[in-house]
N, C-alpha and C. Protein backbone atom coordinates (compact mmCIF):
# COMPACT_ATOMS: atom_id res chain seq x y z
N UNK A 1 -24.36 -95.21 40.48
CA UNK A 1 -23.86 -95.61 41.84
C UNK A 1 -22.75 -94.51 42.29
N UNK A 2 -22.92 -94.21 43.47
CA UNK A 2 -22.00 -93.14 44.05
C UNK A 2 -20.65 -93.71 44.20
N UNK A 3 -19.65 -92.91 44.04
CA UNK A 3 -18.31 -93.23 44.38
C UNK A 3 -18.04 -92.59 45.79
N UNK A 4 -17.99 -93.43 46.80
CA UNK A 4 -17.87 -92.84 48.02
C UNK A 4 -16.68 -93.37 48.89
N UNK A 5 -16.32 -92.48 49.85
CA UNK A 5 -15.05 -92.85 50.67
C UNK A 5 -15.55 -92.68 52.11
N UNK A 6 -15.66 -93.54 52.97
CA UNK A 6 -16.05 -93.44 54.26
C UNK A 6 -14.73 -93.49 55.22
N UNK A 7 -14.65 -92.40 56.00
CA UNK A 7 -13.39 -92.43 56.89
C UNK A 7 -13.82 -91.92 58.29
N UNK A 8 -12.98 -92.39 59.26
CA UNK A 8 -13.07 -91.79 60.61
C UNK A 8 -12.36 -90.43 60.48
N UNK A 9 -13.03 -89.44 60.79
CA UNK A 9 -12.46 -88.02 60.64
C UNK A 9 -11.29 -87.87 61.47
N UNK A 10 -10.30 -86.96 60.89
CA UNK A 10 -9.26 -86.39 61.70
C UNK A 10 -9.49 -84.86 61.54
N UNK A 11 -9.92 -84.28 62.55
CA UNK A 11 -10.26 -82.82 62.47
C UNK A 11 -9.16 -81.89 62.46
N UNK A 12 -7.92 -82.61 62.53
CA UNK A 12 -6.73 -81.78 62.31
C UNK A 12 -6.49 -81.62 60.64
N UNK A 13 -7.16 -82.41 60.00
CA UNK A 13 -7.20 -82.29 58.52
C UNK A 13 -8.21 -81.23 58.22
N UNK A 14 -7.68 -80.11 57.47
CA UNK A 14 -8.60 -79.16 57.15
C UNK A 14 -9.77 -79.57 56.19
N UNK A 15 -9.58 -80.60 55.33
CA UNK A 15 -10.64 -81.06 54.41
C UNK A 15 -11.68 -81.58 55.45
N UNK A 16 -11.31 -82.40 56.46
CA UNK A 16 -12.33 -83.02 57.41
C UNK A 16 -13.02 -82.03 58.22
N UNK A 17 -12.21 -81.10 58.76
CA UNK A 17 -12.87 -80.04 59.59
C UNK A 17 -13.82 -79.20 58.76
N UNK A 18 -13.52 -78.77 57.59
CA UNK A 18 -14.47 -78.00 56.86
C UNK A 18 -15.72 -78.85 56.40
N UNK A 19 -15.54 -80.03 56.16
CA UNK A 19 -16.63 -80.90 55.79
C UNK A 19 -17.57 -81.21 56.83
N UNK A 20 -16.96 -81.26 58.10
CA UNK A 20 -17.76 -81.46 59.36
C UNK A 20 -18.51 -80.27 59.59
N UNK A 21 -17.97 -79.11 59.64
CA UNK A 21 -18.75 -77.89 59.70
C UNK A 21 -19.95 -77.58 58.79
N UNK A 22 -19.43 -77.87 57.57
CA UNK A 22 -20.38 -77.67 56.48
C UNK A 22 -21.74 -78.56 56.61
N UNK A 23 -21.49 -79.87 56.80
CA UNK A 23 -22.51 -80.79 57.08
C UNK A 23 -23.32 -80.50 58.44
N UNK A 24 -22.66 -80.17 59.41
CA UNK A 24 -23.29 -79.73 60.68
C UNK A 24 -24.24 -78.53 60.41
N UNK A 25 -23.81 -77.53 59.69
CA UNK A 25 -24.57 -76.41 59.40
C UNK A 25 -25.82 -76.77 58.49
N UNK A 26 -25.59 -77.62 57.48
CA UNK A 26 -26.67 -78.11 56.74
C UNK A 26 -27.73 -78.76 57.62
N UNK A 27 -27.30 -79.69 58.49
CA UNK A 27 -28.14 -80.31 59.46
C UNK A 27 -28.99 -79.38 60.31
N UNK A 28 -28.18 -78.47 60.84
CA UNK A 28 -28.90 -77.40 61.77
C UNK A 28 -29.94 -76.56 61.08
N UNK A 29 -29.86 -76.32 59.85
CA UNK A 29 -30.81 -75.56 59.09
C UNK A 29 -32.02 -76.56 58.56
N UNK A 30 -31.83 -77.82 58.80
CA UNK A 30 -33.09 -78.73 58.43
C UNK A 30 -33.99 -78.69 59.69
N UNK A 31 -35.34 -78.87 59.27
CA UNK A 31 -36.27 -78.85 60.39
C UNK A 31 -35.95 -79.95 61.48
N UNK A 32 -35.33 -81.02 61.07
CA UNK A 32 -35.07 -82.11 62.05
C UNK A 32 -33.67 -81.57 62.93
N UNK A 33 -33.05 -80.66 62.52
CA UNK A 33 -31.93 -80.16 63.15
C UNK A 33 -32.22 -78.78 64.01
N UNK A 34 -33.57 -78.34 63.83
CA UNK A 34 -33.96 -77.15 64.57
C UNK A 34 -34.26 -76.07 63.69
N UNK A 35 -33.96 -76.17 62.41
CA UNK A 35 -34.39 -75.16 61.37
C UNK A 35 -33.54 -73.94 61.39
N UNK A 36 -32.41 -73.83 62.03
CA UNK A 36 -31.74 -72.52 62.05
C UNK A 36 -30.19 -73.00 62.19
N UNK A 37 -29.44 -72.18 61.42
CA UNK A 37 -28.08 -72.36 61.24
C UNK A 37 -27.32 -72.41 62.64
N UNK A 38 -26.07 -73.03 62.69
CA UNK A 38 -25.32 -72.99 63.79
C UNK A 38 -24.97 -71.62 64.14
N UNK A 39 -24.76 -71.39 65.46
CA UNK A 39 -24.36 -69.93 65.88
C UNK A 39 -22.95 -69.65 65.44
N UNK A 40 -22.65 -68.22 65.34
CA UNK A 40 -21.29 -67.99 65.00
C UNK A 40 -20.35 -68.50 65.94
N UNK A 41 -20.77 -68.62 67.28
CA UNK A 41 -19.92 -69.09 68.34
C UNK A 41 -19.72 -70.52 68.04
N UNK A 42 -20.60 -71.31 67.66
CA UNK A 42 -20.50 -72.74 67.36
C UNK A 42 -19.60 -72.99 66.04
N UNK A 43 -19.76 -72.12 65.13
CA UNK A 43 -18.93 -72.29 63.95
C UNK A 43 -17.50 -71.93 64.12
N UNK A 44 -17.26 -71.02 65.03
CA UNK A 44 -15.82 -70.59 65.38
C UNK A 44 -15.13 -71.53 66.32
N UNK A 45 -15.94 -72.18 67.14
CA UNK A 45 -15.29 -73.01 68.19
C UNK A 45 -15.52 -74.45 68.26
N UNK A 46 -16.37 -75.07 67.37
CA UNK A 46 -16.70 -76.33 67.43
C UNK A 46 -15.49 -77.27 67.17
N UNK A 47 -14.72 -77.04 66.22
CA UNK A 47 -13.56 -77.90 65.82
C UNK A 47 -12.60 -77.96 66.97
N UNK A 48 -12.33 -76.72 67.44
CA UNK A 48 -11.33 -76.61 68.59
C UNK A 48 -11.75 -77.39 69.84
N UNK A 49 -13.03 -77.18 70.13
CA UNK A 49 -13.54 -77.96 71.25
C UNK A 49 -13.56 -79.53 71.09
N UNK A 50 -13.98 -79.85 69.95
CA UNK A 50 -14.07 -81.24 69.64
C UNK A 50 -12.63 -81.83 69.70
N UNK A 51 -11.58 -81.15 69.16
CA UNK A 51 -10.28 -81.56 69.32
C UNK A 51 -9.70 -81.68 70.61
N UNK A 52 -10.25 -80.96 71.59
CA UNK A 52 -9.80 -80.94 73.07
C UNK A 52 -10.29 -82.19 73.75
N UNK A 53 -11.10 -82.83 73.06
CA UNK A 53 -11.85 -84.05 73.73
C UNK A 53 -11.18 -85.47 73.20
N UNK A 54 -11.14 -86.45 73.97
CA UNK A 54 -10.69 -87.75 73.53
C UNK A 54 -11.83 -88.83 73.45
N UNK A 55 -13.01 -88.35 73.55
CA UNK A 55 -14.15 -89.28 73.61
C UNK A 55 -15.15 -88.95 72.47
N UNK A 56 -14.70 -88.32 71.46
CA UNK A 56 -15.61 -88.08 70.25
C UNK A 56 -15.02 -88.81 68.98
N UNK A 57 -15.88 -89.56 68.32
CA UNK A 57 -15.46 -90.25 67.11
C UNK A 57 -16.54 -89.79 66.07
N UNK A 58 -15.91 -89.38 64.87
CA UNK A 58 -16.72 -88.80 63.83
C UNK A 58 -16.46 -89.62 62.62
N UNK A 59 -17.46 -89.96 61.85
CA UNK A 59 -17.46 -90.71 60.60
C UNK A 59 -17.91 -89.68 59.52
N UNK A 60 -17.09 -89.69 58.43
CA UNK A 60 -17.53 -88.77 57.28
C UNK A 60 -17.55 -89.65 56.01
N UNK A 61 -18.40 -89.34 55.25
CA UNK A 61 -18.47 -89.92 53.97
C UNK A 61 -18.38 -88.67 52.82
N UNK A 62 -17.50 -88.92 51.87
CA UNK A 62 -17.25 -88.00 50.83
C UNK A 62 -17.74 -88.78 49.50
N UNK A 63 -18.27 -88.11 48.69
CA UNK A 63 -18.61 -88.58 47.36
C UNK A 63 -17.88 -87.71 46.29
N UNK A 64 -16.85 -88.31 45.66
CA UNK A 64 -16.07 -87.49 44.71
C UNK A 64 -15.60 -86.23 45.34
N UNK A 65 -15.07 -86.36 46.59
CA UNK A 65 -14.43 -85.18 47.35
C UNK A 65 -15.45 -84.18 47.98
N UNK A 66 -16.76 -84.41 47.63
CA UNK A 66 -17.81 -83.63 48.26
C UNK A 66 -18.35 -84.30 49.48
N UNK A 67 -18.49 -83.44 50.56
CA UNK A 67 -19.04 -83.94 51.96
C UNK A 67 -20.39 -84.36 51.66
N UNK A 68 -20.69 -85.55 52.08
CA UNK A 68 -22.01 -86.26 51.77
C UNK A 68 -22.75 -86.62 53.08
N UNK A 69 -22.03 -86.99 54.05
CA UNK A 69 -22.70 -87.49 55.24
C UNK A 69 -21.79 -87.48 56.48
N UNK A 70 -22.21 -87.45 57.66
CA UNK A 70 -21.53 -87.57 58.79
C UNK A 70 -22.25 -88.28 59.99
N UNK A 71 -21.39 -88.84 60.91
CA UNK A 71 -22.03 -89.26 62.18
C UNK A 71 -21.07 -88.86 63.33
N UNK A 72 -21.64 -88.40 64.33
CA UNK A 72 -20.83 -87.90 65.54
C UNK A 72 -21.26 -88.93 66.63
N UNK A 73 -20.27 -89.63 67.23
CA UNK A 73 -20.58 -90.48 68.36
C UNK A 73 -19.68 -90.05 69.53
N UNK A 74 -20.31 -90.10 70.68
CA UNK A 74 -19.52 -89.58 71.93
C UNK A 74 -19.65 -90.73 72.85
N UNK A 75 -18.42 -91.04 73.30
CA UNK A 75 -18.28 -92.29 74.34
C UNK A 75 -18.85 -91.96 75.66
N UNK A 76 -19.65 -92.90 76.22
CA UNK A 76 -20.12 -92.86 77.41
C UNK A 76 -19.60 -94.15 78.19
N UNK A 77 -20.38 -94.54 79.27
CA UNK A 77 -19.97 -95.65 80.07
C UNK A 77 -21.19 -96.32 80.53
N UNK A 78 -21.15 -97.67 80.48
CA UNK A 78 -22.49 -98.28 81.07
C UNK A 78 -21.88 -98.92 82.47
N UNK A 79 -22.58 -98.49 83.43
CA UNK A 79 -22.12 -99.00 84.81
C UNK A 79 -22.56 -100.56 85.11
N UNK A 80 -23.80 -100.91 84.36
CA UNK A 80 -24.10 -102.28 84.40
C UNK A 80 -23.23 -103.03 83.77
N UNK A 81 -22.80 -102.83 82.66
CA UNK A 81 -21.90 -103.72 81.79
C UNK A 81 -20.44 -103.45 82.15
N UNK A 82 -20.13 -102.33 82.79
CA UNK A 82 -18.77 -101.92 83.13
C UNK A 82 -17.90 -101.93 81.95
N UNK A 83 -18.48 -101.27 80.85
CA UNK A 83 -17.80 -101.01 79.57
C UNK A 83 -18.22 -99.70 78.96
N UNK A 84 -17.43 -99.30 77.89
CA UNK A 84 -17.72 -98.08 77.29
C UNK A 84 -19.01 -98.26 76.40
N UNK A 85 -19.61 -97.28 75.91
CA UNK A 85 -20.67 -97.30 74.98
C UNK A 85 -20.43 -96.08 74.06
N UNK A 86 -21.07 -96.12 72.94
CA UNK A 86 -21.14 -94.98 72.13
C UNK A 86 -22.73 -94.33 72.03
N UNK A 87 -22.78 -93.14 72.20
CA UNK A 87 -24.03 -92.37 71.86
C UNK A 87 -23.84 -91.70 70.66
N UNK A 88 -24.79 -91.99 69.67
CA UNK A 88 -24.80 -91.35 68.37
C UNK A 88 -25.52 -89.95 68.63
N UNK A 89 -24.75 -88.80 68.38
CA UNK A 89 -25.34 -87.52 68.62
C UNK A 89 -25.78 -86.82 67.46
N UNK A 90 -25.10 -87.07 66.31
CA UNK A 90 -25.52 -86.50 65.06
C UNK A 90 -25.44 -87.43 63.89
N UNK A 91 -26.47 -87.48 63.12
CA UNK A 91 -26.41 -88.34 61.86
C UNK A 91 -26.93 -87.24 60.71
N UNK A 92 -26.01 -87.04 59.81
CA UNK A 92 -26.47 -86.14 58.72
C UNK A 92 -26.16 -86.72 57.44
N UNK A 93 -27.11 -86.64 56.52
CA UNK A 93 -26.94 -87.03 55.17
C UNK A 93 -27.34 -85.80 54.32
N UNK A 94 -26.51 -85.23 53.66
CA UNK A 94 -26.81 -84.02 52.79
C UNK A 94 -27.94 -84.32 51.99
N UNK A 95 -28.89 -83.28 51.74
CA UNK A 95 -30.03 -83.52 50.83
C UNK A 95 -29.63 -84.15 49.47
N UNK A 96 -28.41 -83.68 48.85
CA UNK A 96 -28.14 -84.10 47.58
C UNK A 96 -27.78 -85.68 47.51
N UNK A 97 -27.57 -86.28 48.76
CA UNK A 97 -27.10 -87.68 48.68
C UNK A 97 -28.10 -88.56 49.38
N UNK A 98 -29.22 -88.04 49.78
CA UNK A 98 -30.24 -88.86 50.48
C UNK A 98 -30.84 -89.91 49.51
N UNK A 99 -31.24 -91.06 50.19
CA UNK A 99 -31.92 -92.22 49.50
C UNK A 99 -30.67 -93.03 48.80
N UNK A 100 -29.45 -92.85 49.07
CA UNK A 100 -28.36 -93.51 48.54
C UNK A 100 -27.73 -94.68 49.33
N UNK A 101 -28.25 -94.82 50.59
CA UNK A 101 -27.86 -95.82 51.57
C UNK A 101 -26.67 -95.38 52.50
N UNK A 102 -26.36 -94.05 52.48
CA UNK A 102 -25.23 -93.60 53.15
C UNK A 102 -25.28 -93.79 54.67
N UNK A 103 -26.56 -93.90 55.17
CA UNK A 103 -26.65 -94.12 56.63
C UNK A 103 -26.06 -95.43 57.06
N UNK A 104 -26.46 -96.48 56.28
CA UNK A 104 -25.95 -97.79 56.44
C UNK A 104 -24.38 -97.69 56.56
N UNK A 105 -23.70 -97.04 55.61
CA UNK A 105 -22.24 -96.99 55.59
C UNK A 105 -21.66 -96.26 56.97
N UNK A 106 -22.44 -95.20 57.32
CA UNK A 106 -22.05 -94.42 58.59
C UNK A 106 -22.04 -95.41 59.76
N UNK A 107 -23.16 -96.25 59.84
CA UNK A 107 -23.28 -97.16 60.98
C UNK A 107 -22.45 -98.27 60.95
N UNK A 108 -22.10 -98.88 59.81
CA UNK A 108 -21.17 -99.93 59.68
C UNK A 108 -19.81 -99.43 60.17
N UNK A 109 -19.35 -98.27 59.83
CA UNK A 109 -18.05 -97.74 60.26
C UNK A 109 -18.00 -97.49 61.81
N UNK A 110 -19.05 -96.89 62.33
CA UNK A 110 -19.01 -96.64 63.82
C UNK A 110 -19.14 -97.95 64.57
N UNK A 111 -19.87 -98.91 64.02
CA UNK A 111 -19.91 -100.21 64.69
C UNK A 111 -18.52 -100.78 64.75
N UNK A 112 -17.79 -100.74 63.68
CA UNK A 112 -16.42 -101.21 63.66
C UNK A 112 -15.56 -100.62 64.64
N UNK A 113 -15.74 -99.27 64.77
CA UNK A 113 -14.84 -98.54 65.70
C UNK A 113 -15.36 -98.90 67.12
N UNK A 114 -16.68 -98.98 67.40
CA UNK A 114 -17.22 -99.33 68.61
C UNK A 114 -16.59 -100.63 69.17
N UNK A 115 -16.53 -101.63 68.13
CA UNK A 115 -16.05 -103.08 68.48
C UNK A 115 -14.68 -102.90 68.90
N UNK A 116 -13.84 -102.06 68.20
CA UNK A 116 -12.43 -101.83 68.45
C UNK A 116 -12.27 -101.28 69.82
N UNK A 117 -13.10 -100.36 70.23
CA UNK A 117 -13.16 -99.73 71.54
C UNK A 117 -13.67 -100.58 72.82
N UNK A 118 -14.16 -101.69 72.32
CA UNK A 118 -14.73 -102.70 73.29
C UNK A 118 -16.07 -102.14 73.97
N UNK A 119 -16.83 -101.40 73.12
CA UNK A 119 -18.10 -100.87 73.57
C UNK A 119 -19.13 -101.97 73.69
N UNK A 120 -19.96 -101.88 74.60
CA UNK A 120 -21.06 -102.80 74.80
C UNK A 120 -22.27 -102.49 74.10
N UNK A 121 -22.53 -101.29 73.69
CA UNK A 121 -23.70 -100.85 72.94
C UNK A 121 -23.52 -99.56 72.32
N UNK A 122 -24.54 -99.31 71.28
CA UNK A 122 -24.50 -98.05 70.75
C UNK A 122 -25.99 -97.47 70.97
N UNK A 123 -26.04 -96.30 71.47
CA UNK A 123 -27.42 -95.67 71.60
C UNK A 123 -27.53 -94.42 70.78
N UNK A 124 -28.89 -93.99 70.65
CA UNK A 124 -29.06 -92.90 69.97
C UNK A 124 -30.53 -92.21 70.18
N UNK A 125 -30.59 -91.02 69.95
CA UNK A 125 -32.03 -90.41 70.11
C UNK A 125 -32.38 -90.06 68.76
N UNK A 126 -33.79 -90.16 68.59
CA UNK A 126 -34.30 -89.78 67.28
C UNK A 126 -35.70 -89.10 67.53
N UNK A 127 -36.12 -88.08 66.74
CA UNK A 127 -37.40 -87.48 66.96
C UNK A 127 -38.54 -88.47 66.62
N UNK A 128 -39.52 -88.66 67.36
CA UNK A 128 -40.46 -89.64 67.08
C UNK A 128 -41.20 -89.31 65.80
N UNK A 129 -41.29 -88.18 65.25
CA UNK A 129 -41.89 -87.66 64.02
C UNK A 129 -41.02 -87.84 62.77
N UNK A 130 -39.69 -88.16 63.09
CA UNK A 130 -38.86 -88.48 61.97
C UNK A 130 -38.90 -89.83 61.42
N UNK A 131 -40.02 -90.14 60.70
CA UNK A 131 -40.31 -91.58 60.32
C UNK A 131 -39.08 -92.16 59.42
N UNK A 132 -38.71 -91.31 58.63
CA UNK A 132 -37.57 -91.86 57.76
C UNK A 132 -36.35 -92.36 58.55
N UNK A 133 -35.97 -91.51 59.52
CA UNK A 133 -34.72 -91.94 60.35
C UNK A 133 -35.21 -93.18 61.32
N UNK A 134 -36.45 -93.08 61.91
CA UNK A 134 -36.78 -94.23 62.60
C UNK A 134 -36.78 -95.52 61.91
N UNK A 135 -37.41 -95.49 60.67
CA UNK A 135 -37.34 -96.71 59.87
C UNK A 135 -35.94 -97.24 59.51
N UNK A 136 -34.96 -96.14 59.16
CA UNK A 136 -33.60 -96.54 59.01
C UNK A 136 -32.89 -97.21 60.19
N UNK A 137 -33.15 -96.61 61.32
CA UNK A 137 -32.51 -97.11 62.51
C UNK A 137 -32.93 -98.50 62.88
N UNK A 138 -34.32 -98.72 62.68
CA UNK A 138 -34.88 -99.93 62.92
C UNK A 138 -34.40 -101.05 61.92
N UNK A 139 -34.07 -100.68 60.67
CA UNK A 139 -33.50 -101.70 59.83
C UNK A 139 -32.08 -101.98 60.30
N UNK A 140 -31.45 -101.06 60.88
CA UNK A 140 -30.08 -101.24 61.32
C UNK A 140 -29.96 -101.95 62.73
N UNK A 141 -31.08 -102.28 63.16
CA UNK A 141 -31.11 -103.15 64.42
C UNK A 141 -31.39 -102.46 65.77
N UNK A 142 -31.80 -101.16 65.62
CA UNK A 142 -31.95 -100.25 66.88
C UNK A 142 -33.47 -100.44 67.12
N UNK A 143 -33.88 -100.27 68.51
CA UNK A 143 -35.25 -100.21 68.97
C UNK A 143 -35.19 -99.36 70.27
N UNK A 144 -36.58 -99.07 70.63
CA UNK A 144 -36.57 -98.58 72.02
C UNK A 144 -36.08 -99.40 73.05
N UNK A 145 -35.75 -98.80 74.26
CA UNK A 145 -35.02 -99.54 75.32
C UNK A 145 -36.09 -99.91 76.34
N UNK A 146 -36.17 -101.02 76.63
CA UNK A 146 -37.06 -101.61 77.76
C UNK A 146 -36.26 -102.67 78.61
N UNK A 147 -36.36 -102.58 79.82
CA UNK A 147 -36.00 -103.59 80.80
C UNK A 147 -37.14 -104.56 80.93
N UNK A 148 -38.25 -103.97 81.18
CA UNK A 148 -39.49 -104.88 81.35
C UNK A 148 -40.71 -104.16 80.61
N UNK A 149 -41.34 -104.84 79.72
CA UNK A 149 -42.46 -104.16 79.08
C UNK A 149 -43.42 -103.46 80.02
N UNK A 150 -43.60 -104.06 81.27
CA UNK A 150 -44.60 -103.56 82.20
C UNK A 150 -44.19 -102.06 82.53
N UNK A 151 -42.95 -101.85 82.50
CA UNK A 151 -42.56 -100.44 82.93
C UNK A 151 -42.40 -99.47 81.80
N UNK A 152 -42.51 -100.04 80.53
CA UNK A 152 -42.48 -99.20 79.42
C UNK A 152 -41.12 -98.96 78.88
N UNK A 153 -40.97 -97.95 77.83
CA UNK A 153 -39.77 -97.71 77.23
C UNK A 153 -39.05 -96.59 77.99
N UNK A 154 -37.80 -96.50 77.81
CA UNK A 154 -37.01 -95.56 78.37
C UNK A 154 -37.34 -94.13 77.56
N UNK A 155 -37.29 -93.08 78.18
CA UNK A 155 -37.56 -91.74 77.57
C UNK A 155 -36.34 -90.93 77.71
N UNK A 156 -36.02 -90.12 76.58
CA UNK A 156 -34.83 -89.30 76.57
C UNK A 156 -35.37 -87.89 76.99
N UNK A 157 -34.92 -87.28 78.11
CA UNK A 157 -35.43 -86.15 78.58
C UNK A 157 -34.14 -85.23 78.67
N UNK A 158 -34.50 -83.95 78.72
CA UNK A 158 -33.39 -82.91 78.73
C UNK A 158 -33.90 -81.82 79.57
N UNK A 159 -32.84 -81.05 80.15
CA UNK A 159 -33.03 -79.81 80.82
C UNK A 159 -31.96 -78.87 80.39
N UNK A 160 -32.37 -77.84 79.68
CA UNK A 160 -31.40 -76.92 79.23
C UNK A 160 -30.75 -75.99 80.29
N UNK A 161 -29.45 -75.70 80.34
CA UNK A 161 -28.78 -74.93 81.35
C UNK A 161 -28.27 -73.57 80.70
């Protein structure tokens, strides 16, 4: 059994900042993260830019001081509920720690923080071909979004600028 520590990251802490960058780089190199490392620009500026925001919440898991997993949540706002929400933007479990149940720990911690922030919901995007992640998220209570089945599920679209 792993000896883990789950924390809300403080990117002013050099250990947390380095763990975040290391895990994000690991994720970016994975096919589910695009298959190519973070750009030099991102590596040099990501921590500074995240620290300039007050709407980003990061959960880190360490196993015996080794970065094992992370979750990045960005606060949004639900106009219908008139409350904040969290959108999960990144979920990373290092290859060395997969299959150990760390995703569940990440989501338990971010749900705790979301409740403290009075969020009405947590949203996320997942690639339809990422069967392992889809199954994990379904076990955690996530599903596609529908108002009325007649109109289908919501789609996540993007336009790069």
